[in-house]
Amino acid sequence: MKNNNSNSSNIVSIVSYVNANIDKFIIYKENKGKCGVYRWNNIITGKSYVGSSIPLSGRFRAYYSLSYLNRRVEKGSSAIYSAFLEYGYINFSLDILEYCKPDELISRE
């Protein structure tokens, strides 16, 4: 997964969720059983975070688990986890950049 400030605005998403807090359950439902590449956008800092997962809904459940985020931050494992805790989900949007086959995920990310 990559933290990207410069080129993220040039990438067109196929699905966008404007408010990650309000759209939480829609995000789960619409991405259940799918794999693909996504981008979290911090609307306060302008930073974005690109990742991929099989399945997307499982990864999103981890992102929405405060206990999971806190454990990961204690281990110092990821800037995105810290950003969710610091800024709150209300200050993030989510873009699905593409749905793809599991064996294509890493190259597409």
N, C-alpha and C. Protein backbone atom coordinates (compact mmCIF):
# COMPACT_ATOMS: atom_id res chain seq x y z
N MET A 1 0.83 -1.16 0.00
CA MET A 1 0.00 0.00 0.00
C MET A 1 0.88 1.23 0.00
N LYS A 2 0.36 2.24 -0.65
CA LYS A 2 1.19 3.42 -0.86
C LYS A 2 0.50 4.68 -0.37
N ASN A 3 1.28 5.58 0.16
CA ASN A 3 0.79 6.90 0.53
C ASN A 3 1.17 7.82 -0.61
N ASN A 4 0.19 8.53 -1.19
CA ASN A 4 0.45 9.29 -2.38
C ASN A 4 -0.21 10.65 -2.29
N ASN A 5 0.54 11.70 -2.55
CA ASN A 5 -0.03 13.05 -2.54
C ASN A 5 -0.17 13.62 -3.94
N SER A 6 0.71 13.29 -4.86
CA SER A 6 0.82 14.04 -6.10
C SER A 6 -0.07 13.56 -7.24
N ASN A 7 -0.11 12.28 -7.51
CA ASN A 7 -0.81 11.81 -8.70
C ASN A 7 -2.20 11.26 -8.44
N SER A 8 -2.65 11.27 -7.22
CA SER A 8 -3.93 10.62 -6.91
C SER A 8 -5.10 11.30 -7.60
N SER A 9 -5.02 12.59 -7.87
CA SER A 9 -6.13 13.28 -8.51
C SER A 9 -6.26 12.92 -9.99
N ASN A 10 -5.23 12.34 -10.58
CA ASN A 10 -5.27 11.94 -11.98
C ASN A 10 -5.92 10.59 -12.19
N ILE A 11 -6.17 9.87 -11.13
CA ILE A 11 -6.73 8.53 -11.22
C ILE A 11 -8.25 8.64 -11.09
N VAL A 12 -8.96 8.03 -12.03
CA VAL A 12 -10.41 8.07 -12.02
C VAL A 12 -10.95 6.84 -11.30
N SER A 13 -11.87 7.07 -10.38
CA SER A 13 -12.45 5.95 -9.65
C SER A 13 -13.71 5.45 -10.36
N ILE A 14 -14.06 4.19 -10.08
CA ILE A 14 -15.29 3.65 -10.66
C ILE A 14 -16.45 3.78 -9.68
N VAL A 15 -16.14 3.89 -8.40
CA VAL A 15 -17.15 4.13 -7.36
C VAL A 15 -16.53 5.05 -6.33
N SER A 16 -17.30 6.05 -5.87
CA SER A 16 -16.81 6.95 -4.84
C SER A 16 -17.81 7.04 -3.70
N TYR A 17 -17.27 7.05 -2.49
CA TYR A 17 -18.07 7.22 -1.28
C TYR A 17 -17.56 8.49 -0.63
N VAL A 18 -18.39 9.52 -0.61
CA VAL A 18 -17.97 10.85 -0.20
C VAL A 18 -17.63 10.94 1.29
N ASN A 19 -18.40 10.24 2.12
CA ASN A 19 -18.19 10.31 3.56
C ASN A 19 -18.07 8.89 4.11
N ALA A 20 -16.86 8.51 4.46
CA ALA A 20 -16.61 7.13 4.92
C ALA A 20 -17.35 6.81 6.21
N ASN A 21 -17.73 7.81 6.97
CA ASN A 21 -18.48 7.58 8.20
C ASN A 21 -19.94 7.25 7.88
N ILE A 22 -20.57 8.07 7.11
CA ILE A 22 -21.98 7.88 6.76
C ILE A 22 -22.18 6.66 5.84
N ASP A 23 -21.24 6.44 4.94
CA ASP A 23 -21.37 5.39 3.92
C ASP A 23 -20.86 4.02 4.35
N LYS A 24 -20.52 3.86 5.59
CA LYS A 24 -19.90 2.62 6.10
C LYS A 24 -20.64 1.36 5.65
N PHE A 25 -21.93 1.28 5.90
CA PHE A 25 -22.66 0.05 5.60
C PHE A 25 -22.89 -0.14 4.10
N ILE A 26 -22.98 0.95 3.37
CA ILE A 26 -23.07 0.86 1.90
C ILE A 26 -21.75 0.32 1.35
N ILE A 27 -20.65 0.78 1.91
CA ILE A 27 -19.31 0.30 1.49
C ILE A 27 -19.21 -1.21 1.70
N TYR A 28 -19.64 -1.69 2.88
CA TYR A 28 -19.63 -3.13 3.14
C TYR A 28 -20.47 -3.88 2.10
N LYS A 29 -21.70 -3.44 1.95
CA LYS A 29 -22.66 -4.14 1.09
C LYS A 29 -22.22 -4.18 -0.37
N GLU A 30 -21.80 -3.05 -0.91
CA GLU A 30 -21.47 -2.97 -2.32
C GLU A 30 -20.15 -3.65 -2.67
N ASN A 31 -19.32 -3.93 -1.69
CA ASN A 31 -18.01 -4.53 -1.96
C ASN A 31 -17.87 -5.95 -1.42
N LYS A 32 -18.95 -6.51 -0.93
CA LYS A 32 -18.93 -7.86 -0.40
C LYS A 32 -18.58 -8.86 -1.51
N GLY A 33 -17.59 -9.70 -1.23
CA GLY A 33 -17.18 -10.74 -2.16
C GLY A 33 -16.38 -10.26 -3.36
N LYS A 34 -16.02 -8.99 -3.38
CA LYS A 34 -15.26 -8.44 -4.51
C LYS A 34 -13.82 -8.20 -4.09
N CYS A 35 -12.94 -8.28 -5.05
CA CYS A 35 -11.55 -7.89 -4.79
C CYS A 35 -11.22 -6.73 -5.72
N GLY A 36 -10.32 -5.88 -5.26
CA GLY A 36 -9.99 -4.73 -6.08
C GLY A 36 -9.01 -3.79 -5.41
N VAL A 37 -8.87 -2.65 -6.05
CA VAL A 37 -7.94 -1.61 -5.61
C VAL A 37 -8.76 -0.41 -5.15
N TYR A 38 -8.37 0.16 -4.02
CA TYR A 38 -9.12 1.27 -3.44
C TYR A 38 -8.18 2.39 -3.03
N ARG A 39 -8.78 3.56 -2.77
CA ARG A 39 -7.99 4.72 -2.31
C ARG A 39 -8.78 5.46 -1.23
N TRP A 40 -8.18 5.59 -0.06
CA TRP A 40 -8.74 6.43 1.01
C TRP A 40 -8.19 7.83 0.79
N ASN A 41 -9.04 8.84 0.93
CA ASN A 41 -8.64 10.24 0.74
C ASN A 41 -8.92 11.01 2.03
N ASN A 42 -7.89 11.60 2.59
CA ASN A 42 -8.04 12.43 3.78
C ASN A 42 -8.39 13.83 3.30
N ILE A 43 -9.61 14.27 3.58
CA ILE A 43 -10.05 15.56 3.06
C ILE A 43 -9.45 16.75 3.83
N ILE A 44 -8.86 16.48 4.99
CA ILE A 44 -8.19 17.54 5.76
C ILE A 44 -6.78 17.78 5.24
N THR A 45 -6.00 16.71 5.09
CA THR A 45 -4.60 16.84 4.70
C THR A 45 -4.37 16.76 3.20
N GLY A 46 -5.33 16.20 2.46
CA GLY A 46 -5.16 16.02 1.02
C GLY A 46 -4.36 14.77 0.67
N LYS A 47 -3.93 14.02 1.67
CA LYS A 47 -3.17 12.80 1.41
C LYS A 47 -4.11 11.66 1.04
N SER A 48 -3.57 10.73 0.27
CA SER A 48 -4.36 9.55 -0.08
C SER A 48 -3.54 8.30 0.18
N TYR A 49 -4.25 7.20 0.29
CA TYR A 49 -3.64 5.92 0.63
C TYR A 49 -4.26 4.87 -0.28
N VAL A 50 -3.43 4.23 -1.09
CA VAL A 50 -3.91 3.24 -2.05
C VAL A 50 -3.59 1.84 -1.54
N GLY A 51 -4.57 0.94 -1.67
CA GLY A 51 -4.37 -0.43 -1.26
C GLY A 51 -5.22 -1.37 -2.09
N SER A 52 -5.09 -2.65 -1.81
CA SER A 52 -5.89 -3.66 -2.50
C SER A 52 -6.19 -4.78 -1.52
N SER A 53 -7.23 -5.56 -1.83
CA SER A 53 -7.59 -6.63 -0.91
C SER A 53 -8.49 -7.67 -1.56
N ILE A 54 -8.40 -8.87 -1.01
CA ILE A 54 -9.30 -9.99 -1.32
C ILE A 54 -9.86 -10.44 0.03
N PRO A 55 -11.08 -10.32 0.33
CA PRO A 55 -12.09 -9.48 -0.31
C PRO A 55 -12.03 -8.07 0.27
N LEU A 56 -12.56 -7.13 -0.47
CA LEU A 56 -12.57 -5.74 -0.02
C LEU A 56 -13.36 -5.55 1.27
N SER A 57 -14.49 -6.21 1.37
CA SER A 57 -15.34 -6.01 2.56
C SER A 57 -14.62 -6.43 3.84
N GLY A 58 -13.81 -7.46 3.78
CA GLY A 58 -13.03 -7.88 4.95
C GLY A 58 -12.01 -6.84 5.36
N ARG A 59 -11.33 -6.25 4.39
CA ARG A 59 -10.35 -5.20 4.69
C ARG A 59 -11.04 -3.98 5.27
N PHE A 60 -12.20 -3.62 4.70
CA PHE A 60 -12.91 -2.46 5.20
C PHE A 60 -13.42 -2.69 6.62
N ARG A 61 -13.81 -3.91 6.95
CA ARG A 61 -14.22 -4.21 8.32
C ARG A 61 -13.06 -3.97 9.29
N ALA A 62 -11.86 -4.33 8.88
CA ALA A 62 -10.68 -4.08 9.72
C ALA A 62 -10.47 -2.58 9.90
N TYR A 63 -10.58 -1.82 8.82
CA TYR A 63 -10.41 -0.37 8.92
C TYR A 63 -11.42 0.26 9.87
N TYR A 64 -12.63 -0.28 9.91
CA TYR A 64 -13.68 0.29 10.76
C TYR A 64 -13.67 -0.25 12.19
N SER A 65 -12.74 -1.09 12.53
CA SER A 65 -12.63 -1.63 13.89
C SER A 65 -11.63 -0.80 14.69
N LEU A 66 -12.13 -0.04 15.65
CA LEU A 66 -11.24 0.81 16.45
C LEU A 66 -10.23 0.00 17.24
N SER A 67 -10.64 -1.17 17.74
CA SER A 67 -9.69 -1.99 18.49
C SER A 67 -8.57 -2.49 17.57
N TYR A 68 -8.92 -2.86 16.35
CA TYR A 68 -7.91 -3.28 15.37
C TYR A 68 -6.96 -2.12 15.07
N LEU A 69 -7.52 -0.95 14.81
CA LEU A 69 -6.67 0.21 14.51
C LEU A 69 -5.72 0.52 15.65
N ASN A 70 -6.24 0.51 16.88
CA ASN A 70 -5.38 0.79 18.04
C ASN A 70 -4.26 -0.23 18.19
N ARG A 71 -4.58 -1.51 17.98
CA ARG A 71 -3.52 -2.55 18.06
C ARG A 71 -2.45 -2.32 17.00
N ARG A 72 -2.88 -1.99 15.79
CA ARG A 72 -1.92 -1.78 14.70
C ARG A 72 -1.06 -0.53 14.94
N VAL A 73 -1.66 0.51 15.47
CA VAL A 73 -0.91 1.73 15.76
C VAL A 73 0.12 1.47 16.86
N GLU A 74 -0.25 0.69 17.86
CA GLU A 74 0.71 0.34 18.92
C GLU A 74 1.92 -0.38 18.36
N LYS A 75 1.72 -1.16 17.31
CA LYS A 75 2.83 -1.86 16.66
C LYS A 75 3.56 -0.97 15.66
N GLY A 76 3.00 0.22 15.39
CA GLY A 76 3.63 1.16 14.47
C GLY A 76 3.57 0.71 13.02
N SER A 77 2.48 0.02 12.65
CA SER A 77 2.47 -0.63 11.35
C SER A 77 1.96 0.18 10.17
N SER A 78 1.18 1.24 10.38
CA SER A 78 0.65 1.91 9.20
C SER A 78 0.18 3.33 9.50
N ALA A 79 0.48 4.22 8.59
CA ALA A 79 0.06 5.62 8.73
C ALA A 79 -1.45 5.77 8.58
N ILE A 80 -2.08 4.94 7.76
CA ILE A 80 -3.52 5.08 7.54
C ILE A 80 -4.30 4.79 8.82
N TYR A 81 -3.85 3.82 9.59
CA TYR A 81 -4.53 3.51 10.85
C TYR A 81 -4.47 4.71 11.79
N SER A 82 -3.33 5.31 11.90
CA SER A 82 -3.16 6.50 12.75
C SER A 82 -4.03 7.65 12.25
N ALA A 83 -4.09 7.81 10.94
CA ALA A 83 -4.89 8.90 10.37
C ALA A 83 -6.37 8.72 10.66
N PHE A 84 -6.88 7.49 10.58
CA PHE A 84 -8.29 7.26 10.92
C PHE A 84 -8.56 7.64 12.37
N LEU A 85 -7.66 7.26 13.25
CA LEU A 85 -7.84 7.57 14.67
C LEU A 85 -7.72 9.08 14.94
N GLU A 86 -6.82 9.74 14.24
CA GLU A 86 -6.61 11.17 14.46
C GLU A 86 -7.72 12.03 13.86
N TYR A 87 -8.12 11.75 12.62
CA TYR A 87 -9.04 12.62 11.90
C TYR A 87 -10.49 12.13 11.91
N GLY A 88 -10.72 10.86 12.19
CA GLY A 88 -12.07 10.31 12.17
C GLY A 88 -12.53 9.98 10.76
N TYR A 89 -13.40 9.02 10.67
CA TYR A 89 -13.89 8.56 9.36
C TYR A 89 -14.63 9.65 8.60
N ILE A 90 -15.23 10.57 9.33
CA ILE A 90 -15.99 11.64 8.70
C ILE A 90 -15.10 12.50 7.79
N ASN A 91 -13.81 12.48 8.03
CA ASN A 91 -12.87 13.28 7.24
C ASN A 91 -12.16 12.47 6.15
N PHE A 92 -12.76 11.34 5.79
CA PHE A 92 -12.22 10.51 4.72
C PHE A 92 -13.29 10.21 3.69
N SER A 93 -12.86 10.15 2.44
CA SER A 93 -13.70 9.59 1.39
C SER A 93 -12.99 8.33 0.90
N LEU A 94 -13.73 7.51 0.19
CA LEU A 94 -13.18 6.25 -0.32
C LEU A 94 -13.51 6.12 -1.79
N ASP A 95 -12.52 5.79 -2.59
CA ASP A 95 -12.72 5.51 -4.01
C ASP A 95 -12.37 4.06 -4.29
N ILE A 96 -13.22 3.39 -5.04
CA ILE A 96 -12.86 2.09 -5.58
C ILE A 96 -12.27 2.39 -6.95
N LEU A 97 -11.01 2.09 -7.11
CA LEU A 97 -10.32 2.41 -8.36
C LEU A 97 -10.58 1.37 -9.43
N GLU A 98 -10.67 0.12 -8.99
CA GLU A 98 -11.02 -0.93 -9.94
C GLU A 98 -11.28 -2.24 -9.23
N TYR A 99 -12.15 -3.02 -9.81
CA TYR A 99 -12.37 -4.39 -9.38
C TYR A 99 -11.57 -5.25 -10.35
N CYS A 100 -10.92 -6.27 -9.82
CA CYS A 100 -10.10 -7.12 -10.68
C CYS A 100 -10.01 -8.53 -10.09
N LYS A 101 -9.36 -9.40 -10.83
CA LYS A 101 -9.17 -10.77 -10.38
C LYS A 101 -8.09 -10.79 -9.29
N PRO A 102 -8.19 -11.75 -8.37
CA PRO A 102 -7.22 -11.81 -7.27
C PRO A 102 -5.76 -11.85 -7.72
N ASP A 103 -5.47 -12.55 -8.80
CA ASP A 103 -4.08 -12.66 -9.24
C ASP A 103 -3.56 -11.39 -9.91
N GLU A 104 -4.42 -10.41 -10.12
CA GLU A 104 -4.01 -9.14 -10.74
C GLU A 104 -3.84 -8.01 -9.72
N LEU A 105 -4.23 -8.26 -8.49
CA LEU A 105 -4.29 -7.18 -7.49
C LEU A 105 -3.00 -6.40 -7.31
N ILE A 106 -1.93 -7.08 -7.04
CA ILE A 106 -0.68 -6.38 -6.71
C ILE A 106 -0.18 -5.58 -7.90
N SER A 107 -0.23 -6.13 -9.09
CA SER A 107 0.24 -5.40 -10.27
C SER A 107 -0.66 -4.20 -10.56
N ARG A 108 -1.97 -4.32 -10.31
CA ARG A 108 -2.89 -3.22 -10.56
C ARG A 108 -2.77 -2.12 -9.52
N GLU A 109 -2.44 -2.50 -8.28
CA GLU A 109 -2.26 -1.52 -7.21
C GLU A 109 -1.10 -0.60 -7.56
